[in-house]
């Protein structure tokens, strides 16, 4: 049985084609580009960089965010997993790209917030899904999202809804 599983796993994760690699790399540069320039007032969750499924969860979350209070998701930046960074020295480095399915790529990135030292560097794994010809973030696994962004969104939506229900009653 094990002999059959191992070859299947090897097929499931493959190196991207040159075209896919080039598109994914360009998309990652676009996603992290705002961190290397002047401070942008647009939060990551308001940028058009997420898959349809994640965008729908973001919409549900935005509908239940407690007014005037931070919740589990709106007190820091989702992509850099930080509140501050040095735009002059910020770097997002692609460590690896692996295709995990047709139109799905796992991208390991190393983020350097630009402050120097080991605390300035953090790893993240993005799952990108090609939707309508554009690579969109379908999942983020990082220190702030150890079980993934989608799970964090679901949990935070439930907590915010419970808070609203408790405040209403």
N, C-alpha and C. Protein backbone atom coordinates (compact mmCIF):
# COMPACT_ATOMS: atom_id res chain seq x y z
N UNK A 1 0.82 -1.20 0.00
CA UNK A 1 0.00 0.00 0.00
C UNK A 1 0.87 1.26 0.00
N UNK A 2 1.91 1.29 0.81
CA UNK A 2 2.78 2.45 0.88
C UNK A 2 3.44 2.73 -0.47
N UNK A 3 3.78 1.69 -1.20
CA UNK A 3 4.42 1.88 -2.51
C UNK A 3 3.51 2.62 -3.47
N UNK A 4 2.20 2.50 -3.31
CA UNK A 4 1.27 3.20 -4.19
C UNK A 4 1.08 4.65 -3.76
N UNK A 5 1.17 4.92 -2.47
CA UNK A 5 0.93 6.26 -1.96
C UNK A 5 2.09 7.19 -2.31
N UNK A 6 3.31 6.75 -2.15
CA UNK A 6 4.48 7.59 -2.39
C UNK A 6 4.50 8.14 -3.82
N UNK A 7 4.33 7.32 -4.86
CA UNK A 7 4.33 7.90 -6.21
C UNK A 7 3.21 8.91 -6.42
N UNK A 8 2.05 8.70 -5.83
CA UNK A 8 0.96 9.65 -5.96
C UNK A 8 1.32 10.98 -5.33
N UNK A 9 1.97 10.94 -4.18
CA UNK A 9 2.39 12.17 -3.53
C UNK A 9 3.42 12.92 -4.37
N UNK A 10 4.30 12.18 -5.02
CA UNK A 10 5.30 12.82 -5.85
C UNK A 10 4.66 13.51 -7.06
N UNK A 11 3.60 12.94 -7.58
CA UNK A 11 2.90 13.54 -8.71
C UNK A 11 2.11 14.77 -8.27
N UNK A 12 1.56 14.75 -7.05
CA UNK A 12 0.70 15.82 -6.58
C UNK A 12 1.43 17.15 -6.46
N UNK A 13 2.69 17.14 -6.09
CA UNK A 13 3.46 18.37 -5.96
C UNK A 13 4.58 18.36 -7.00
N UNK A 14 4.54 19.32 -7.90
CA UNK A 14 5.51 19.33 -8.99
C UNK A 14 6.07 20.73 -9.17
N UNK A 15 7.19 20.77 -9.85
CA UNK A 15 7.77 22.08 -10.19
C UNK A 15 6.85 22.78 -11.19
N UNK A 16 6.74 24.08 -11.07
CA UNK A 16 5.89 24.81 -12.03
C UNK A 16 6.54 24.87 -13.41
N UNK A 17 5.72 25.02 -14.43
CA UNK A 17 6.25 25.28 -15.77
C UNK A 17 6.92 26.65 -15.74
N UNK A 18 7.71 26.92 -16.75
CA UNK A 18 8.36 28.23 -16.81
C UNK A 18 7.32 29.35 -16.83
N UNK A 19 6.23 29.14 -17.56
CA UNK A 19 5.19 30.17 -17.65
C UNK A 19 4.52 30.38 -16.30
N UNK A 20 4.15 29.27 -15.62
CA UNK A 20 3.53 29.40 -14.30
C UNK A 20 4.48 30.06 -13.32
N UNK A 21 5.74 29.63 -13.31
CA UNK A 21 6.72 30.23 -12.39
C UNK A 21 6.81 31.73 -12.62
N UNK A 22 6.90 32.13 -13.85
CA UNK A 22 7.02 33.55 -14.18
C UNK A 22 5.78 34.33 -13.72
N UNK A 23 4.58 33.78 -13.97
CA UNK A 23 3.34 34.44 -13.55
C UNK A 23 3.22 34.51 -12.04
N UNK A 24 3.55 33.41 -11.36
CA UNK A 24 3.46 33.39 -9.89
C UNK A 24 4.46 34.38 -9.29
N UNK A 25 5.69 34.38 -9.79
CA UNK A 25 6.69 35.32 -9.28
C UNK A 25 6.22 36.77 -9.47
N UNK A 26 5.69 37.08 -10.64
CA UNK A 26 5.21 38.44 -10.90
C UNK A 26 4.06 38.79 -9.96
N UNK A 27 3.19 37.84 -9.69
CA UNK A 27 2.05 38.11 -8.79
C UNK A 27 2.53 38.34 -7.37
N UNK A 28 3.51 37.57 -6.91
CA UNK A 28 4.04 37.77 -5.56
C UNK A 28 4.68 39.15 -5.45
N UNK A 29 5.38 39.57 -6.48
CA UNK A 29 5.97 40.91 -6.49
C UNK A 29 4.87 41.96 -6.38
N UNK A 30 3.77 41.77 -7.11
CA UNK A 30 2.64 42.70 -7.05
C UNK A 30 2.00 42.70 -5.66
N UNK A 31 1.81 41.52 -5.09
CA UNK A 31 1.17 41.41 -3.78
C UNK A 31 1.97 42.14 -2.71
N UNK A 32 3.29 41.97 -2.73
CA UNK A 32 4.11 42.58 -1.68
C UNK A 32 4.70 43.93 -2.08
N UNK A 33 4.45 44.38 -3.30
CA UNK A 33 4.97 45.65 -3.77
C UNK A 33 4.65 46.84 -2.89
N UNK A 34 3.42 46.97 -2.37
CA UNK A 34 3.09 48.14 -1.55
C UNK A 34 3.95 48.30 -0.29
N UNK A 35 4.58 47.24 0.17
CA UNK A 35 5.37 47.33 1.40
C UNK A 35 6.71 48.01 1.17
N UNK A 36 7.13 48.11 -0.07
CA UNK A 36 8.41 48.73 -0.39
C UNK A 36 8.26 50.18 -0.82
N UNK A 37 7.07 50.74 -0.68
CA UNK A 37 6.84 52.12 -1.08
C UNK A 37 6.23 52.91 0.07
N UNK A 38 5.71 54.07 -0.25
CA UNK A 38 5.07 54.89 0.78
C UNK A 38 3.91 54.13 1.43
N UNK A 39 3.67 54.43 2.69
CA UNK A 39 2.59 53.76 3.42
C UNK A 39 1.28 53.88 2.65
N UNK A 40 0.62 52.75 2.49
CA UNK A 40 -0.64 52.69 1.75
C UNK A 40 -1.77 52.53 2.77
N UNK A 41 -2.78 53.34 2.66
CA UNK A 41 -3.89 53.29 3.61
C UNK A 41 -4.84 52.13 3.34
N UNK A 42 -4.62 51.38 2.26
CA UNK A 42 -5.49 50.26 1.92
C UNK A 42 -5.02 49.01 2.65
N UNK A 43 -5.89 48.47 3.50
CA UNK A 43 -5.57 47.24 4.23
C UNK A 43 -5.49 46.07 3.26
N UNK A 44 -4.70 45.08 3.60
CA UNK A 44 -4.55 43.90 2.75
C UNK A 44 -5.90 43.30 2.40
N UNK A 45 -6.82 43.24 3.36
CA UNK A 45 -8.12 42.62 3.12
C UNK A 45 -9.00 43.42 2.16
N UNK A 46 -8.62 44.66 1.88
CA UNK A 46 -9.37 45.48 0.94
C UNK A 46 -8.75 45.48 -0.46
N UNK A 47 -7.65 44.76 -0.63
CA UNK A 47 -7.00 44.71 -1.94
C UNK A 47 -7.56 43.55 -2.76
N UNK A 48 -7.60 43.67 -4.07
CA UNK A 48 -8.15 42.61 -4.92
C UNK A 48 -7.13 41.51 -5.20
N UNK A 49 -6.66 40.86 -4.15
CA UNK A 49 -5.60 39.85 -4.28
C UNK A 49 -6.04 38.47 -3.78
N UNK A 50 -7.29 38.36 -3.35
CA UNK A 50 -7.76 37.11 -2.76
C UNK A 50 -8.68 36.36 -3.69
N UNK A 51 -8.70 35.03 -3.54
CA UNK A 51 -9.58 34.18 -4.33
C UNK A 51 -11.04 34.52 -4.02
N UNK A 52 -11.93 34.04 -4.85
CA UNK A 52 -13.36 34.29 -4.65
C UNK A 52 -13.82 33.74 -3.30
N UNK A 53 -13.36 32.56 -2.94
CA UNK A 53 -13.77 31.96 -1.67
C UNK A 53 -13.30 32.79 -0.49
N UNK A 54 -12.05 33.21 -0.51
CA UNK A 54 -11.52 34.01 0.59
C UNK A 54 -12.18 35.39 0.59
N UNK A 55 -12.42 35.96 -0.57
CA UNK A 55 -13.10 37.26 -0.66
C UNK A 55 -14.50 37.19 -0.05
N UNK A 56 -15.19 36.07 -0.26
CA UNK A 56 -16.52 35.90 0.33
C UNK A 56 -16.42 35.84 1.86
N UNK A 57 -15.42 35.14 2.38
CA UNK A 57 -15.22 35.10 3.83
C UNK A 57 -14.87 36.49 4.36
N UNK A 58 -14.04 37.23 3.65
CA UNK A 58 -13.69 38.59 4.06
C UNK A 58 -14.94 39.45 4.11
N UNK A 59 -15.82 39.31 3.13
CA UNK A 59 -17.07 40.07 3.12
C UNK A 59 -17.93 39.74 4.34
N UNK A 60 -18.02 38.46 4.67
CA UNK A 60 -18.79 38.05 5.87
C UNK A 60 -18.15 38.63 7.13
N UNK A 61 -16.81 38.58 7.19
CA UNK A 61 -16.10 39.11 8.36
C UNK A 61 -16.33 40.62 8.50
N UNK A 62 -16.22 41.36 7.39
CA UNK A 62 -16.40 42.81 7.44
C UNK A 62 -17.80 43.19 7.92
N UNK A 63 -18.77 42.32 7.63
CA UNK A 63 -20.15 42.60 8.03
C UNK A 63 -20.37 42.47 9.54
N UNK A 64 -19.47 41.76 10.23
CA UNK A 64 -19.68 41.53 11.67
C UNK A 64 -18.56 42.09 12.56
N UNK A 65 -17.61 42.83 11.98
CA UNK A 65 -16.53 43.41 12.78
C UNK A 65 -17.14 44.32 13.84
N UNK A 66 -16.71 44.16 15.10
CA UNK A 66 -17.22 45.06 16.14
C UNK A 66 -16.80 46.51 15.84
N UNK A 67 -17.73 47.42 15.94
CA UNK A 67 -17.44 48.81 15.64
C UNK A 67 -16.50 49.41 16.68
N UNK A 68 -15.40 49.98 16.20
CA UNK A 68 -14.47 50.67 17.07
C UNK A 68 -13.60 49.78 17.93
N UNK A 69 -13.62 48.47 17.70
CA UNK A 69 -12.82 47.55 18.51
C UNK A 69 -12.00 46.65 17.60
N UNK A 70 -10.76 46.37 18.00
CA UNK A 70 -10.01 45.37 17.24
C UNK A 70 -10.57 43.97 17.54
N UNK A 71 -10.52 43.12 16.54
CA UNK A 71 -10.88 41.73 16.77
C UNK A 71 -9.65 40.89 16.44
N UNK A 72 -9.82 39.62 16.22
CA UNK A 72 -8.68 38.76 15.98
C UNK A 72 -7.98 38.98 14.66
N UNK A 73 -8.53 39.82 13.78
CA UNK A 73 -7.95 39.98 12.45
C UNK A 73 -7.63 41.41 12.03
N UNK A 74 -8.24 42.40 12.66
CA UNK A 74 -8.07 43.76 12.14
C UNK A 74 -7.05 44.60 12.90
N UNK A 75 -6.19 43.96 13.68
CA UNK A 75 -5.22 44.75 14.44
C UNK A 75 -3.80 44.63 13.90
N UNK A 76 -3.64 44.04 12.74
CA UNK A 76 -2.32 43.93 12.13
C UNK A 76 -2.46 43.59 10.65
N UNK A 77 -1.36 43.65 9.94
CA UNK A 77 -1.36 43.37 8.52
C UNK A 77 -1.27 41.87 8.28
N UNK A 78 -2.15 41.35 7.45
CA UNK A 78 -2.21 39.91 7.19
C UNK A 78 -1.02 39.39 6.42
N UNK A 79 -0.49 40.18 5.52
CA UNK A 79 0.57 39.68 4.64
C UNK A 79 1.94 39.71 5.30
N UNK A 80 2.26 40.80 5.98
CA UNK A 80 3.57 40.87 6.62
C UNK A 80 3.52 40.36 8.06
N UNK A 81 2.30 40.09 8.57
CA UNK A 81 2.14 39.63 9.94
C UNK A 81 2.78 40.62 10.91
N UNK A 82 2.49 41.90 10.67
CA UNK A 82 3.12 42.95 11.45
C UNK A 82 2.20 44.17 11.51
N UNK A 83 2.61 45.13 12.31
CA UNK A 83 1.94 46.42 12.32
C UNK A 83 2.80 47.50 11.68
N UNK A 84 4.11 47.29 11.71
CA UNK A 84 5.05 48.26 11.16
C UNK A 84 6.12 47.55 10.35
N UNK A 85 6.69 48.26 9.38
CA UNK A 85 7.81 47.77 8.60
C UNK A 85 8.55 48.98 8.06
N UNK A 86 9.79 48.76 7.65
CA UNK A 86 10.62 49.82 7.06
C UNK A 86 10.53 49.67 5.55
N UNK A 87 9.82 50.57 4.90
CA UNK A 87 9.58 50.47 3.46
C UNK A 87 10.87 50.48 2.65
N UNK A 88 11.90 51.17 3.13
CA UNK A 88 13.15 51.22 2.39
C UNK A 88 13.86 49.88 2.35
N UNK A 89 13.73 49.09 3.41
CA UNK A 89 14.46 47.83 3.49
C UNK A 89 13.58 46.58 3.49
N UNK A 90 12.27 46.75 3.34
CA UNK A 90 11.37 45.59 3.30
C UNK A 90 11.71 44.72 2.09
N UNK A 91 11.70 43.40 2.32
CA UNK A 91 11.94 42.47 1.22
C UNK A 91 11.04 41.25 1.39
N UNK A 92 10.46 40.80 0.30
CA UNK A 92 9.75 39.53 0.24
C UNK A 92 10.52 38.66 -0.74
N UNK A 93 11.07 37.56 -0.23
CA UNK A 93 11.88 36.68 -1.05
C UNK A 93 11.15 35.37 -1.25
N UNK A 94 11.01 34.95 -2.48
CA UNK A 94 10.40 33.66 -2.78
C UNK A 94 11.44 32.58 -2.50
N UNK A 95 11.09 31.67 -1.60
CA UNK A 95 11.97 30.56 -1.25
C UNK A 95 11.72 29.38 -2.18
N UNK A 96 10.45 29.09 -2.44
CA UNK A 96 10.11 27.98 -3.33
C UNK A 96 8.71 28.16 -3.89
N UNK A 97 8.50 27.54 -5.04
CA UNK A 97 7.19 27.48 -5.67
C UNK A 97 6.97 26.03 -6.07
N UNK A 98 5.84 25.48 -5.64
CA UNK A 98 5.49 24.10 -5.98
C UNK A 98 4.04 24.09 -6.47
N UNK A 99 3.80 23.42 -7.56
CA UNK A 99 2.43 23.27 -8.05
C UNK A 99 1.80 22.10 -7.29
N UNK A 100 0.67 22.35 -6.66
CA UNK A 100 -0.01 21.30 -5.91
C UNK A 100 -1.26 20.81 -6.63
N UNK A 101 -1.52 21.36 -7.77
CA UNK A 101 -2.66 20.96 -8.59
C UNK A 101 -2.71 21.87 -9.80
N UNK A 102 -3.63 21.57 -10.69
CA UNK A 102 -3.78 22.40 -11.88
C UNK A 102 -4.31 23.77 -11.45
N UNK A 103 -3.52 24.79 -11.64
CA UNK A 103 -3.95 26.13 -11.27
C UNK A 103 -3.81 26.44 -9.79
N UNK A 104 -3.01 25.65 -9.06
CA UNK A 104 -2.79 25.91 -7.64
C UNK A 104 -1.28 25.81 -7.35
N UNK A 105 -0.76 26.84 -6.70
CA UNK A 105 0.67 26.87 -6.37
C UNK A 105 0.86 27.18 -4.90
N UNK A 106 1.81 26.51 -4.29
CA UNK A 106 2.22 26.82 -2.91
C UNK A 106 3.52 27.62 -3.02
N UNK A 107 3.54 28.78 -2.41
CA UNK A 107 4.69 29.66 -2.48
C UNK A 107 5.20 29.91 -1.07
N UNK A 108 6.42 29.48 -0.81
CA UNK A 108 7.08 29.78 0.46
C UNK A 108 7.80 31.11 0.28
N UNK A 109 7.55 32.06 1.19
CA UNK A 109 8.22 33.34 1.13
C UNK A 109 8.90 33.62 2.47
N UNK A 110 9.95 34.38 2.39
CA UNK A 110 10.62 34.89 3.57
C UNK A 110 10.46 36.40 3.55
N UNK A 111 9.86 36.93 4.60
CA UNK A 111 9.60 38.36 4.68
C UNK A 111 10.60 39.00 5.63
N UNK A 112 11.25 40.04 5.16
CA UNK A 112 12.16 40.82 6.00
C UNK A 112 11.53 42.20 6.14
N UNK A 113 11.11 42.54 7.35
CA UNK A 113 10.42 43.80 7.61
C UNK A 113 11.35 45.00 7.51
N UNK A 114 12.66 44.76 7.41
CA UNK A 114 13.61 45.84 7.18
C UNK A 114 14.22 46.44 8.43
N UNK A 115 13.98 45.84 9.59
CA UNK A 115 14.51 46.40 10.84
C UNK A 115 15.83 45.77 11.25
N UNK A 116 16.26 44.72 10.56
CA UNK A 116 17.48 44.03 10.91
C UNK A 116 17.24 43.04 12.04
N UNK A 117 18.07 42.03 12.11
CA UNK A 117 17.95 41.03 13.16
C UNK A 117 16.93 39.95 12.82
N UNK A 118 16.98 38.88 13.59
CA UNK A 118 16.13 37.72 13.30
C UNK A 118 14.64 38.01 13.54
N UNK A 119 14.32 38.93 14.44
CA UNK A 119 12.91 39.24 14.71
C UNK A 119 12.27 39.99 13.55
N UNK A 120 13.06 40.50 12.65
CA UNK A 120 12.57 41.23 11.49
C UNK A 120 12.19 40.28 10.34
N UNK A 121 12.60 39.03 10.44
CA UNK A 121 12.36 38.06 9.38
C UNK A 121 11.33 37.05 9.80
N UNK A 122 10.41 36.74 8.91
CA UNK A 122 9.39 35.74 9.20
C UNK A 122 9.00 34.98 7.93
N UNK A 123 8.73 33.69 8.10
CA UNK A 123 8.30 32.88 6.96
C UNK A 123 6.79 32.91 6.79
N UNK A 124 6.35 32.64 5.58
CA UNK A 124 4.91 32.50 5.30
C UNK A 124 4.76 31.56 4.11
N UNK A 125 3.63 30.90 4.07
CA UNK A 125 3.30 30.05 2.92
C UNK A 125 1.98 30.54 2.34
N UNK A 126 2.02 30.89 1.08
CA UNK A 126 0.82 31.33 0.37
C UNK A 126 0.37 30.22 -0.57
N UNK A 127 -0.90 29.96 -0.58
CA UNK A 127 -1.47 29.11 -1.62
C UNK A 127 -2.14 30.05 -2.59
N UNK A 128 -1.68 30.01 -3.83
CA UNK A 128 -2.25 30.85 -4.88
C UNK A 128 -3.07 29.98 -5.82
N UNK A 129 -4.23 30.50 -6.18
CA UNK A 129 -5.14 29.79 -7.10
C UNK A 129 -5.36 30.68 -8.31
N UNK A 130 -5.26 30.08 -9.49
CA UNK A 130 -5.50 30.86 -10.71
C UNK A 130 -7.01 30.93 -10.93
N UNK A 131 -7.54 32.16 -10.90
CA UNK A 131 -8.95 32.40 -11.15
C UNK A 131 -9.07 33.44 -12.25
N UNK A 132 -9.75 33.10 -13.30
CA UNK A 132 -9.94 33.99 -14.44
C UNK A 132 -8.60 34.54 -14.93
N UNK A 133 -7.59 33.67 -14.95
CA UNK A 133 -6.28 34.01 -15.47
C UNK A 133 -5.37 34.78 -14.52
N UNK A 134 -5.82 35.01 -13.27
CA UNK A 134 -5.02 35.77 -12.31
C UNK A 134 -4.74 34.90 -11.09
N UNK A 135 -3.51 34.90 -10.62
CA UNK A 135 -3.15 34.16 -9.42
C UNK A 135 -3.62 34.96 -8.20
N UNK A 136 -4.48 34.36 -7.39
CA UNK A 136 -5.05 35.02 -6.22
C UNK A 136 -4.70 34.22 -4.97
N UNK A 137 -4.59 34.91 -3.85
CA UNK A 137 -4.29 34.24 -2.58
C UNK A 137 -5.52 33.45 -2.14
N UNK A 138 -5.33 32.16 -1.95
CA UNK A 138 -6.40 31.29 -1.49
C UNK A 138 -6.17 30.85 -0.05
N UNK A 139 -4.96 31.00 0.44
CA UNK A 139 -4.65 30.63 1.82
C UNK A 139 -3.32 31.26 2.21
N UNK A 140 -3.20 31.60 3.48
CA UNK A 140 -1.94 32.08 4.05
C UNK A 140 -1.73 31.28 5.33
N UNK A 141 -0.57 30.67 5.45
CA UNK A 141 -0.19 30.02 6.70
C UNK A 141 1.08 30.73 7.16
N UNK A 142 1.01 31.29 8.36
CA UNK A 142 2.13 32.05 8.92
C UNK A 142 1.95 32.06 10.43
N UNK A 143 2.85 32.72 11.11
CA UNK A 143 2.78 32.76 12.58
C UNK A 143 1.41 33.22 13.08
N UNK A 144 0.85 34.24 12.48
CA UNK A 144 -0.44 34.75 12.90
C UNK A 144 -1.62 33.89 12.46
N UNK A 145 -1.37 33.02 11.50
CA UNK A 145 -2.40 32.12 10.98
C UNK A 145 -1.84 30.70 10.92
N UNK A 146 -1.55 30.09 12.08
CA UNK A 146 -0.92 28.76 12.05
C UNK A 146 -1.80 27.69 11.41
N UNK A 147 -3.12 27.89 11.44
CA UNK A 147 -4.05 26.95 10.81
C UNK A 147 -4.62 27.53 9.52
N UNK A 148 -4.08 28.64 9.08
CA UNK A 148 -4.49 29.26 7.83
C UNK A 148 -5.42 30.45 8.02
N UNK A 149 -5.38 31.33 7.04
CA UNK A 149 -6.22 32.53 7.04
C UNK A 149 -7.70 32.16 7.01
N UNK A 150 -8.07 31.17 6.19
CA UNK A 150 -9.48 30.80 6.10
C UNK A 150 -10.02 30.37 7.46
N UNK A 151 -9.27 29.55 8.19
CA UNK A 151 -9.71 29.12 9.52
C UNK A 151 -9.79 30.32 10.47
N UNK A 152 -8.81 31.21 10.40
CA UNK A 152 -8.84 32.41 11.25
C UNK A 152 -10.05 33.27 10.93
N UNK A 153 -10.39 33.39 9.66
CA UNK A 153 -11.59 34.15 9.28
C UNK A 153 -12.85 33.50 9.85
N UNK A 154 -12.98 32.19 9.69
CA UNK A 154 -14.16 31.50 10.21
C UNK A 154 -14.28 31.66 11.73
N UNK A 155 -13.17 31.49 12.43
CA UNK A 155 -13.19 31.61 13.90
C UNK A 155 -13.51 33.04 14.32
N UNK A 156 -12.93 34.02 13.65
CA UNK A 156 -13.17 35.41 14.01
C UNK A 156 -14.59 35.83 13.68
N UNK A 157 -15.12 35.37 12.57
CA UNK A 157 -16.52 35.65 12.24
C UNK A 157 -17.43 35.11 13.34
N UNK A 158 -17.19 33.87 13.76
CA UNK A 158 -18.01 33.26 14.81
C UNK A 158 -17.87 34.06 16.12
N UNK A 159 -16.66 34.45 16.48
CA UNK A 159 -16.45 35.21 17.72
C UNK A 159 -17.12 36.58 17.64
N UNK A 160 -17.00 37.25 16.51
CA UNK A 160 -17.62 38.57 16.35
C UNK A 160 -19.14 38.46 16.36
N UNK A 161 -19.69 37.42 15.74
CA UNK A 161 -21.14 37.21 15.77
C UNK A 161 -21.62 36.93 17.19
N UNK A 162 -20.84 36.13 17.94
CA UNK A 162 -21.21 35.84 19.33
C UNK A 162 -21.15 37.10 20.18
N UNK A 163 -20.14 37.93 19.94
CA UNK A 163 -20.03 39.18 20.68
C UNK A 163 -21.23 40.09 20.39
N UNK A 164 -21.59 40.19 19.11
CA UNK A 164 -22.73 41.02 18.72
C UNK A 164 -24.02 40.47 19.34
N UNK A 165 -24.19 39.17 19.35
CA UNK A 165 -25.39 38.55 19.94
C UNK A 165 -25.44 38.81 21.44
N UNK A 166 -24.27 38.75 22.10
CA UNK A 166 -24.21 39.02 23.55
C UNK A 166 -24.50 40.47 23.86
N UNK A 167 -24.03 41.38 23.02
CA UNK A 167 -24.27 42.81 23.22
C UNK A 167 -25.73 43.18 22.92
N UNK A 168 -26.36 42.40 22.02
CA UNK A 168 -27.75 42.71 21.67
C UNK A 168 -28.73 42.19 22.72
N UNK A 169 -28.29 41.20 23.48
CA UNK A 169 -29.21 40.57 24.42
C UNK A 169 -29.05 41.08 25.77
